[in-house]
Protein backbone atom coordinates (compact mmCIF):
# COMPACT_ATOMS: atom_id res chain seq x y z
CA MET A 1 44.71 -2.66 9.89
CA GLU A 2 44.64 0.29 7.48
CA VAL A 3 41.79 2.16 5.83
CA ARG A 4 42.51 3.78 2.45
CA GLU A 5 40.58 6.15 0.27
CA VAL A 6 40.49 4.57 -3.19
CA ARG A 7 42.71 6.45 -5.62
CA LYS A 8 45.11 4.08 -7.39
CA SER A 9 44.18 1.73 -10.23
CA SER A 10 45.16 -1.22 -8.04
CA GLU A 11 42.79 -0.02 -5.31
CA LYS A 12 39.96 0.38 -7.81
CA ARG A 13 40.61 -3.17 -8.93
CA ASP A 14 40.56 -4.35 -5.31
CA PHE A 15 37.24 -2.55 -4.74
CA ILE A 16 35.62 -4.39 -7.67
CA HIS A 17 37.15 -7.80 -7.03
CA PHE A 18 36.68 -8.03 -3.26
CA PRO A 19 33.09 -9.41 -3.37
CA PHE A 20 34.23 -12.22 -5.66
CA ARG A 21 36.55 -13.43 -2.92
CA LEU A 22 34.10 -12.76 -0.10
CA TYR A 23 31.30 -14.80 -1.71
CA ARG A 24 33.39 -17.41 -3.52
CA ASN A 25 31.90 -20.27 -1.48
CA ASP A 26 28.35 -18.91 -1.34
CA PRO A 27 26.12 -20.84 -3.80
CA LEU A 28 23.39 -18.17 -3.77
CA TRP A 29 25.50 -15.12 -4.65
CA VAL A 30 25.19 -13.77 -8.20
CA ALA A 31 28.30 -12.04 -9.53
CA PRO A 32 27.78 -8.56 -11.01
CA LEU A 33 29.23 -7.90 -14.46
CA PHE A 34 32.73 -6.42 -14.25
CA GLY A 35 32.16 -3.88 -17.02
CA GLU A 36 28.81 -2.77 -15.64
CA THR A 37 30.34 -2.34 -12.19
CA ARG A 38 33.16 -0.17 -13.54
CA GLU A 39 30.64 2.02 -15.35
CA ILE A 40 28.61 2.46 -12.18
CA LEU A 41 31.63 3.27 -10.03
CA TRP A 42 33.67 5.47 -12.35
CA GLY A 43 31.53 5.97 -15.45
CA ARG A 44 28.11 7.46 -16.17
CA LYS A 45 25.78 4.73 -14.93
CA SER A 46 25.29 5.96 -11.38
CA LEU A 47 22.68 8.67 -10.96
CA LEU A 48 23.60 8.70 -7.28
CA PHE A 49 27.31 9.36 -7.74
CA GLN A 50 26.54 12.05 -10.32
CA SER A 51 24.35 13.87 -7.80
CA GLY A 52 27.07 15.03 -5.43
CA PRO A 53 30.47 14.44 -3.79
CA HIS A 54 31.39 10.86 -2.90
CA THR A 55 34.37 8.64 -2.28
CA PHE A 56 35.32 5.00 -1.78
CA TYR A 57 37.13 3.27 1.08
CA LEU A 58 38.92 -0.04 1.50
CA VAL A 59 40.25 -1.57 4.69
CA TYR A 60 43.40 -3.73 4.46
CA GLN A 61 45.18 -6.17 6.73
CA GLY A 62 48.58 -6.12 5.13
CA LYS A 63 47.84 -6.71 1.44
CA GLU A 64 44.53 -8.46 2.10
CA VAL A 65 41.28 -6.55 1.61
CA LEU A 66 38.86 -7.01 4.51
CA GLY A 67 36.08 -4.65 3.44
CA ARG A 68 34.86 -1.81 1.25
CA VAL A 69 32.25 0.95 1.25
CA ALA A 70 31.22 4.02 -0.76
CA VAL A 71 30.04 7.19 0.99
CA GLY A 72 28.54 10.35 -0.42
CA ILE A 73 26.02 13.18 -0.43
CA ASP A 74 23.02 13.22 -2.75
CA GLU A 75 22.51 16.95 -3.30
CA ASN A 76 19.22 16.39 -5.13
CA PHE A 77 17.89 14.51 -2.11
CA LEU A 78 19.06 17.23 0.29
CA ARG A 79 17.23 19.89 -1.70
CA ALA A 80 14.04 17.84 -1.96
CA ARG A 81 13.87 16.65 1.65
CA GLY A 82 15.67 19.46 3.49
CA LYS A 83 17.94 17.06 5.37
CA LYS A 84 21.65 16.98 6.13
CA GLU A 85 21.98 13.28 5.49
CA GLY A 86 24.73 11.31 3.79
CA TYR A 87 24.60 7.78 2.48
CA LEU A 88 26.52 4.51 2.41
CA THR A 89 26.42 2.07 -0.48
CA LEU A 90 28.28 -0.99 -1.81
CA PHE A 91 29.23 -2.14 1.69
CA GLU A 92 30.94 -5.52 1.82
CA CYS A 93 33.03 -6.86 4.71
CA VAL A 94 34.40 -9.99 6.31
CA ASN A 95 32.84 -11.07 9.60
CA GLN A 96 35.17 -8.93 11.68
CA ARG A 97 33.81 -6.16 13.90
CA GLU A 98 36.99 -4.05 13.83
CA ALA A 99 37.18 -4.03 10.03
CA ALA A 100 33.59 -2.85 9.71
CA GLN A 101 34.01 -0.18 12.38
CA VAL A 102 37.11 1.23 10.67
CA LEU A 103 35.13 1.60 7.44
CA PHE A 104 32.13 3.16 9.16
CA ALA A 105 34.32 5.58 11.10
CA ALA A 106 36.09 6.76 7.94
CA ALA A 107 32.78 7.29 6.15
CA GLU A 108 31.25 9.06 9.14
CA GLU A 109 34.18 11.44 9.50
CA TRP A 110 34.08 12.22 5.78
CA LEU A 111 30.40 13.19 6.10
CA ARG A 112 30.79 15.14 9.34
CA LYS A 113 33.46 17.31 7.74
CA ARG A 114 30.90 18.20 5.07
CA GLY A 115 28.23 19.22 7.53
CA MET A 116 26.08 16.09 7.51
CA GLU A 117 24.19 15.17 10.66
CA SER A 118 22.92 11.68 9.85
CA LEU A 119 23.85 8.67 7.76
CA ILE A 120 21.61 6.18 5.94
CA GLY A 121 22.29 2.97 4.10
CA PRO A 122 22.73 0.78 2.30
CA VAL A 123 21.31 2.71 -0.66
CA SER A 124 21.47 1.96 -4.38
CA PRO A 125 24.32 3.43 -6.46
CA THR A 126 21.97 3.59 -9.45
CA ASN A 127 18.96 4.96 -7.52
CA GLY A 128 17.31 1.66 -8.35
CA ASP A 129 16.76 -1.43 -6.21
CA ASP A 130 20.21 -2.98 -6.50
CA PHE A 131 22.00 -2.68 -3.13
CA ARG A 132 19.11 -0.73 -1.57
CA GLY A 133 18.56 -2.11 1.88
CA MET A 134 20.05 -5.20 3.47
CA LEU A 135 18.67 -8.71 3.64
CA ILE A 136 17.67 -9.43 7.25
CA GLU A 137 15.37 -12.48 6.91
CA ASN A 138 15.56 -15.60 4.69
CA PHE A 139 19.10 -16.42 3.64
CA THR A 140 18.11 -19.69 1.95
CA ASP A 141 16.06 -18.64 -1.10
CA PRO A 142 18.07 -17.29 -4.05
CA PRO A 143 18.06 -13.53 -4.70
CA LEU A 144 16.08 -12.31 -7.69
CA ILE A 145 17.31 -9.63 -10.06
CA PHE A 146 18.25 -6.33 -8.37
CA THR A 147 17.47 -7.52 -4.85
CA PRO A 148 20.02 -7.16 -2.05
CA TYR A 149 21.91 -10.23 -0.93
CA ASN A 150 24.44 -10.34 1.90
CA PRO A 151 25.77 -12.63 4.62
CA PRO A 152 23.58 -13.05 7.73
CA TYR A 153 26.14 -11.28 9.95
CA TYR A 154 25.85 -7.89 8.20
CA PRO A 155 22.97 -6.49 10.33
CA LYS A 156 24.96 -7.16 13.50
CA LEU A 157 28.02 -5.34 12.13
CA TRP A 158 25.89 -2.26 11.44
CA GLU A 159 24.02 -2.35 14.73
CA GLU A 160 27.23 -2.77 16.74
CA TYR A 161 28.42 0.55 15.30
CA GLY A 162 25.23 2.31 16.37
CA PHE A 163 22.99 2.05 13.31
CA LYS A 164 19.28 1.58 13.97
CA ARG A 165 16.78 -0.10 11.69
CA TYR A 166 14.97 2.74 9.95
CA HIS A 167 12.66 1.13 7.38
CA THR A 168 11.75 -2.51 6.88
CA PHE A 169 10.64 -3.86 3.50
CA VAL A 170 8.80 -7.06 2.68
CA ALA A 171 9.11 -9.31 -0.38
CA PHE A 172 6.12 -11.44 -1.37
CA ARG A 173 6.34 -14.70 -3.27
CA TYR A 174 3.74 -15.93 -5.76
CA ASP A 175 3.25 -19.45 -7.08
CA LEU A 176 1.96 -18.59 -10.54
CA ASP A 177 0.66 -22.13 -11.12
CA ARG A 178 -1.57 -21.83 -8.06
CA MET A 179 -2.55 -18.18 -8.15
CA PRO A 180 -6.33 -17.62 -8.02
CA PHE A 181 -6.51 -15.84 -11.37
CA GLU A 182 -10.15 -16.68 -12.07
CA GLU A 183 -11.29 -15.81 -8.56
CA SER A 184 -9.36 -12.53 -8.64
CA LEU A 185 -10.74 -11.43 -12.00
CA SER A 186 -14.28 -10.78 -10.79
CA THR A 187 -12.99 -8.79 -7.79
CA ILE A 188 -10.74 -6.71 -10.04
CA GLU A 189 -13.52 -5.98 -12.54
CA TYR A 190 -15.77 -4.89 -9.68
CA ALA A 191 -13.05 -2.51 -8.38
CA LYS A 192 -12.52 -1.07 -11.86
CA LYS A 193 -16.19 -0.19 -12.17
CA LYS A 194 -16.58 1.07 -8.61
CA TYR A 195 -13.50 3.32 -8.66
CA ASP A 196 -13.56 4.11 -12.37
CA PHE A 197 -10.07 3.03 -13.49
CA THR A 198 -8.58 1.04 -16.33
CA VAL A 199 -5.30 -0.86 -16.72
CA ARG A 200 -3.34 -1.30 -19.94
CA PRO A 201 0.21 -2.18 -21.03
CA ILE A 202 2.67 0.70 -21.20
CA SER A 203 3.22 1.58 -24.85
CA TYR A 204 6.84 1.49 -25.99
CA GLU A 205 5.79 3.23 -29.22
CA ASN A 206 4.68 6.28 -27.20
CA LEU A 207 7.31 5.96 -24.50
CA PRO A 208 8.09 9.70 -23.99
CA GLN A 209 4.44 10.40 -23.19
CA GLU A 210 4.17 7.29 -21.01
CA LEU A 211 7.26 8.32 -19.05
CA GLN A 212 5.77 11.74 -18.35
CA ALA A 213 2.76 9.97 -16.85
CA ILE A 214 5.01 7.70 -14.77
CA GLN A 215 6.99 10.65 -13.47
CA ARG A 216 3.74 12.36 -12.39
CA ILE A 217 2.73 9.20 -10.50
CA LEU A 218 6.11 9.08 -8.77
CA GLU A 219 5.92 12.76 -7.79
CA GLN A 220 2.60 12.16 -6.05
CA SER A 221 3.47 8.74 -4.59
CA LEU A 222 6.89 9.36 -3.05
CA ILE A 223 5.48 11.22 -0.08
CA PRO A 224 7.97 12.06 2.70
CA LEU A 225 5.97 10.19 5.34
CA GLU A 226 6.80 6.81 3.80
CA TYR A 227 9.62 7.59 1.37
CA ASP A 228 11.77 10.00 3.38
CA TYR A 229 14.86 8.17 2.10
CA LEU A 230 14.00 8.94 -1.54
CA ALA A 231 13.33 12.02 -3.62
CA PRO A 232 11.06 11.93 -6.69
CA PRO A 233 13.17 11.55 -9.85
CA THR A 234 13.12 14.22 -12.52
CA LEU A 235 11.68 13.45 -15.93
CA GLU A 236 15.22 13.33 -17.31
CA GLU A 237 16.19 10.73 -14.70
CA VAL A 238 13.10 8.64 -15.45
CA MET A 239 13.93 8.74 -19.17
CA LYS A 240 17.52 7.72 -18.53
CA MET A 241 16.46 4.76 -16.40
CA ALA A 242 13.89 3.74 -19.01
CA GLN A 243 16.55 3.68 -21.73
CA GLU A 244 18.59 1.31 -19.58
CA PHE A 245 15.71 -1.03 -18.82
CA LYS A 246 13.28 -1.09 -21.73
CA ARG A 247 15.21 -3.62 -23.84
CA PHE A 248 15.12 -6.07 -20.94
CA ILE A 249 11.40 -5.67 -20.09
CA PRO A 250 9.09 -7.76 -22.29
CA PRO A 251 5.79 -6.27 -23.50
CA GLY A 252 3.11 -6.79 -20.91
CA PHE A 253 5.56 -6.67 -18.01
CA ALA A 254 4.91 -2.92 -17.68
CA GLN A 255 1.33 -1.82 -16.89
CA ILE A 256 -0.26 1.56 -16.15
CA ALA A 257 -3.59 2.51 -14.57
CA TRP A 258 -5.67 5.54 -15.55
CA SER A 259 -8.75 7.18 -14.07
CA LYS A 260 -10.66 10.15 -15.49
CA GLY A 261 -7.84 10.86 -17.92
CA GLU A 262 -5.14 10.91 -15.23
CA PRO A 263 -2.41 8.33 -14.55
CA VAL A 264 -2.93 6.84 -11.09
CA GLY A 265 -0.56 3.89 -10.85
CA PHE A 266 1.94 1.68 -12.63
CA ALA A 267 3.80 -1.59 -12.17
CA VAL A 268 6.92 -2.93 -13.88
CA ALA A 269 8.41 -6.42 -13.73
CA LEU A 270 11.59 -8.02 -15.01
CA PRO A 271 12.48 -11.57 -15.91
CA ASP A 272 14.82 -12.93 -13.26
CA TYR A 273 18.03 -12.47 -15.25
CA ASN A 274 19.93 -13.66 -12.18
CA GLN A 275 19.21 -17.17 -13.43
CA VAL A 276 21.45 -16.38 -16.40
CA LEU A 277 23.91 -13.95 -14.80
CA LYS A 278 24.86 -16.63 -12.29
CA ARG A 279 26.25 -18.71 -15.16
CA MET A 280 28.27 -15.78 -16.56
CA LYS A 281 30.39 -15.31 -13.40
CA GLY A 282 30.74 -11.56 -13.96
CA LYS A 283 32.11 -11.79 -17.49
CA ILE A 284 30.72 -10.74 -20.86
CA PHE A 285 33.75 -11.98 -22.80
CA PRO A 286 34.71 -14.34 -24.25
CA ILE A 287 31.46 -16.35 -24.02
CA GLY A 288 29.28 -14.33 -21.68
CA TRP A 289 26.90 -13.02 -24.34
CA PHE A 290 26.59 -16.51 -25.82
CA THR A 291 25.65 -17.78 -22.37
CA PHE A 292 23.11 -14.98 -21.93
CA ILE A 293 21.44 -15.58 -25.31
CA ARG A 294 21.46 -19.35 -24.83
CA TYR A 295 19.94 -19.43 -21.38
CA LYS A 296 17.62 -16.41 -21.23
CA LYS A 297 14.84 -18.53 -22.73
CA THR A 298 15.07 -20.87 -19.75
CA ILE A 299 14.13 -18.15 -17.25
CA ASN A 300 11.01 -19.18 -15.32
CA ARG A 301 10.91 -16.54 -12.57
CA GLY A 302 10.07 -12.86 -12.58
CA ARG A 303 10.14 -9.94 -10.19
CA ALA A 304 7.68 -7.06 -9.95
CA PHE A 305 10.11 -4.38 -8.81
CA LEU A 306 8.16 -1.15 -9.31
CA LEU A 307 4.64 -0.59 -8.04
CA PHE A 308 3.33 2.87 -7.26
CA VAL A 309 -0.20 4.19 -6.80
CA VAL A 310 -1.05 7.82 -6.07
CA PRO A 311 -2.41 8.26 -2.50
CA PRO A 312 -6.08 9.01 -3.38
CA TYR A 313 -6.34 5.68 -5.21
CA GLN A 314 -4.56 3.47 -2.70
CA GLY A 315 -6.68 0.75 -1.14
CA LYS A 316 -8.97 0.64 -4.19
CA GLY A 317 -7.69 -2.47 -5.92
CA ILE A 318 -5.28 -0.81 -8.35
CA PRO A 319 -2.14 -2.65 -7.13
CA THR A 320 -4.01 -5.96 -7.43
CA ALA A 321 -5.19 -5.09 -10.94
CA LEU A 322 -1.70 -4.07 -12.05
CA LEU A 323 0.00 -7.15 -10.61
CA PHE A 324 -2.73 -9.38 -12.03
CA GLU A 325 -1.88 -8.26 -15.57
CA VAL A 326 1.88 -8.56 -15.01
CA PHE A 327 1.67 -12.03 -13.48
CA LYS A 328 -0.81 -13.19 -16.11
CA GLU A 329 1.76 -12.25 -18.75
CA GLY A 330 4.44 -14.12 -16.82
CA ARG A 331 2.39 -17.28 -16.62
CA LYS A 332 1.67 -17.02 -20.34
CA ARG A 333 5.45 -17.12 -20.88
CA GLY A 334 5.83 -20.24 -18.77
CA TYR A 335 6.91 -18.60 -15.51
CA THR A 336 6.13 -20.57 -12.36
CA PHE A 337 7.36 -18.14 -9.68
CA ALA A 338 7.17 -14.40 -9.13
CA GLU A 339 8.36 -12.04 -6.44
CA GLY A 340 6.76 -8.73 -5.59
CA SER A 341 9.31 -6.56 -3.84
CA SER A 342 9.90 -4.53 -1.94
CA ILE A 343 6.94 -3.06 -0.05
CA ASN A 344 7.44 -0.93 3.03
CA ALA A 345 6.19 -2.96 5.99
CA GLU A 346 4.33 0.15 7.22
CA ASN A 347 2.35 0.35 3.98
CA PHE A 348 -0.46 -1.84 5.31
CA LYS A 349 -2.80 -1.18 2.37
CA MET A 350 -0.24 -2.37 -0.19
CA CYS A 351 0.72 -5.38 1.91
CA ARG A 352 -2.94 -6.42 2.21
CA GLU A 353 -3.40 -6.15 -1.55
CA ALA A 354 -0.25 -8.19 -2.18
CA GLU A 355 -1.59 -10.94 0.06
CA GLY A 356 -5.06 -10.67 -1.48
CA LEU A 357 -3.65 -11.75 -4.84
CA GLY A 358 -2.09 -14.84 -3.25
CA GLY A 359 1.26 -13.42 -2.16
CA THR A 360 3.10 -14.80 0.84
CA PRO A 361 5.67 -12.65 2.70
CA TYR A 362 8.96 -14.57 2.58
CA LYS A 363 11.87 -12.09 2.82
CA LYS A 364 12.65 -8.88 4.65
CA PHE A 365 15.14 -6.13 3.98
CA ALA A 366 16.11 -3.11 6.07
CA LEU A 367 17.54 0.38 5.72
CA PHE A 368 19.68 1.57 8.62
CA ARG A 369 20.25 5.08 9.92
CA LYS A 370 22.61 6.73 12.41
CA GLU A 371 22.80 10.21 13.87
CA ILE A 372 26.38 11.45 13.52
CA GLY A 373 26.36 15.12 14.48
CA SER A 374 28.50 17.56 12.55
CA SER A 375 32.03 18.91 12.98
CA SER A 376 31.67 21.54 10.27
CA LYS A 377 29.35 24.32 9.18
CA GLU A 378 30.27 23.68 5.57
CA ASN A 379 27.20 23.60 3.32
CA PRO A 380 27.56 20.99 0.55
CA LEU A 381 25.04 22.87 -1.57
CA SER A 382 26.76 26.24 -1.41
């Protein structure tokens, strides 16, 4: 068994193609697009990889790939949170303890040499939701867009190496045909009057101004107590992410709340493009775009993937009001199912509001963390 740092073109190809072999008999797995993956790994589509040193590892048995992982240091995160913590992302591995341990050991040594003292993962290579966390409960329902999906044996591989569960996240499911829209409306209107807030769709015509408001909400919401694995994005990062997403987010799927002239919360949802991507099998050409255009109108599921409320307004009905508008828009478009994910299990206020609108917890994800010490005084920020 041999672990290699990815350098050659053939190794880059192996890194991209390995999941296709690992999941080839899994009916729930949704193949990522080859071109998109290449841009994330070695192009300009990964805010994470652009934020500091990183590398990629493969483990081989002869010529056969058994696993892969990316490891790195997010210098923006280190500055914001004052930690010496590296990350793992894009982990995939066969159900073989030795293969996983070889990958983890290589990544850990790489980080220790650069002065890191702890290791967290899996995180997202785009600083989004894709690959953030690991599925730990419910391996029977299909994954929605940008939600982690992995074999059931992954948590054991991580825990056997010494990782501990660090944060747990809950996904809520909503049956849009049975949601109590009428009953919820009076409660929401009462909360709006009592706490003096309004909710409206985010304006794409005034997007620069709207994004400034969103960035202010994120700065106040991503408090270290609950989000110590994230750092608030800069306005430039928010704008870059918005450019990537806005063409895929229908009007009404992005809502913002205001109170006394200040932005206090927002929610964003996406159609579940996984329903179409599954048919494309990772390929745009020769008929991938035709498949996408043909089948995107058949999508009947959506996912609310961003929901943030500034601390002073939490527990005052704003999450319910935001999700109400998003889900109402989804039902208007013929959607029958929605997922709200992922909410930190320790965020009891948000979990209660998700359930109050008719949500049922049905999946769990986890971030893992390991103390690794340090074999170097090297400062990655110097």
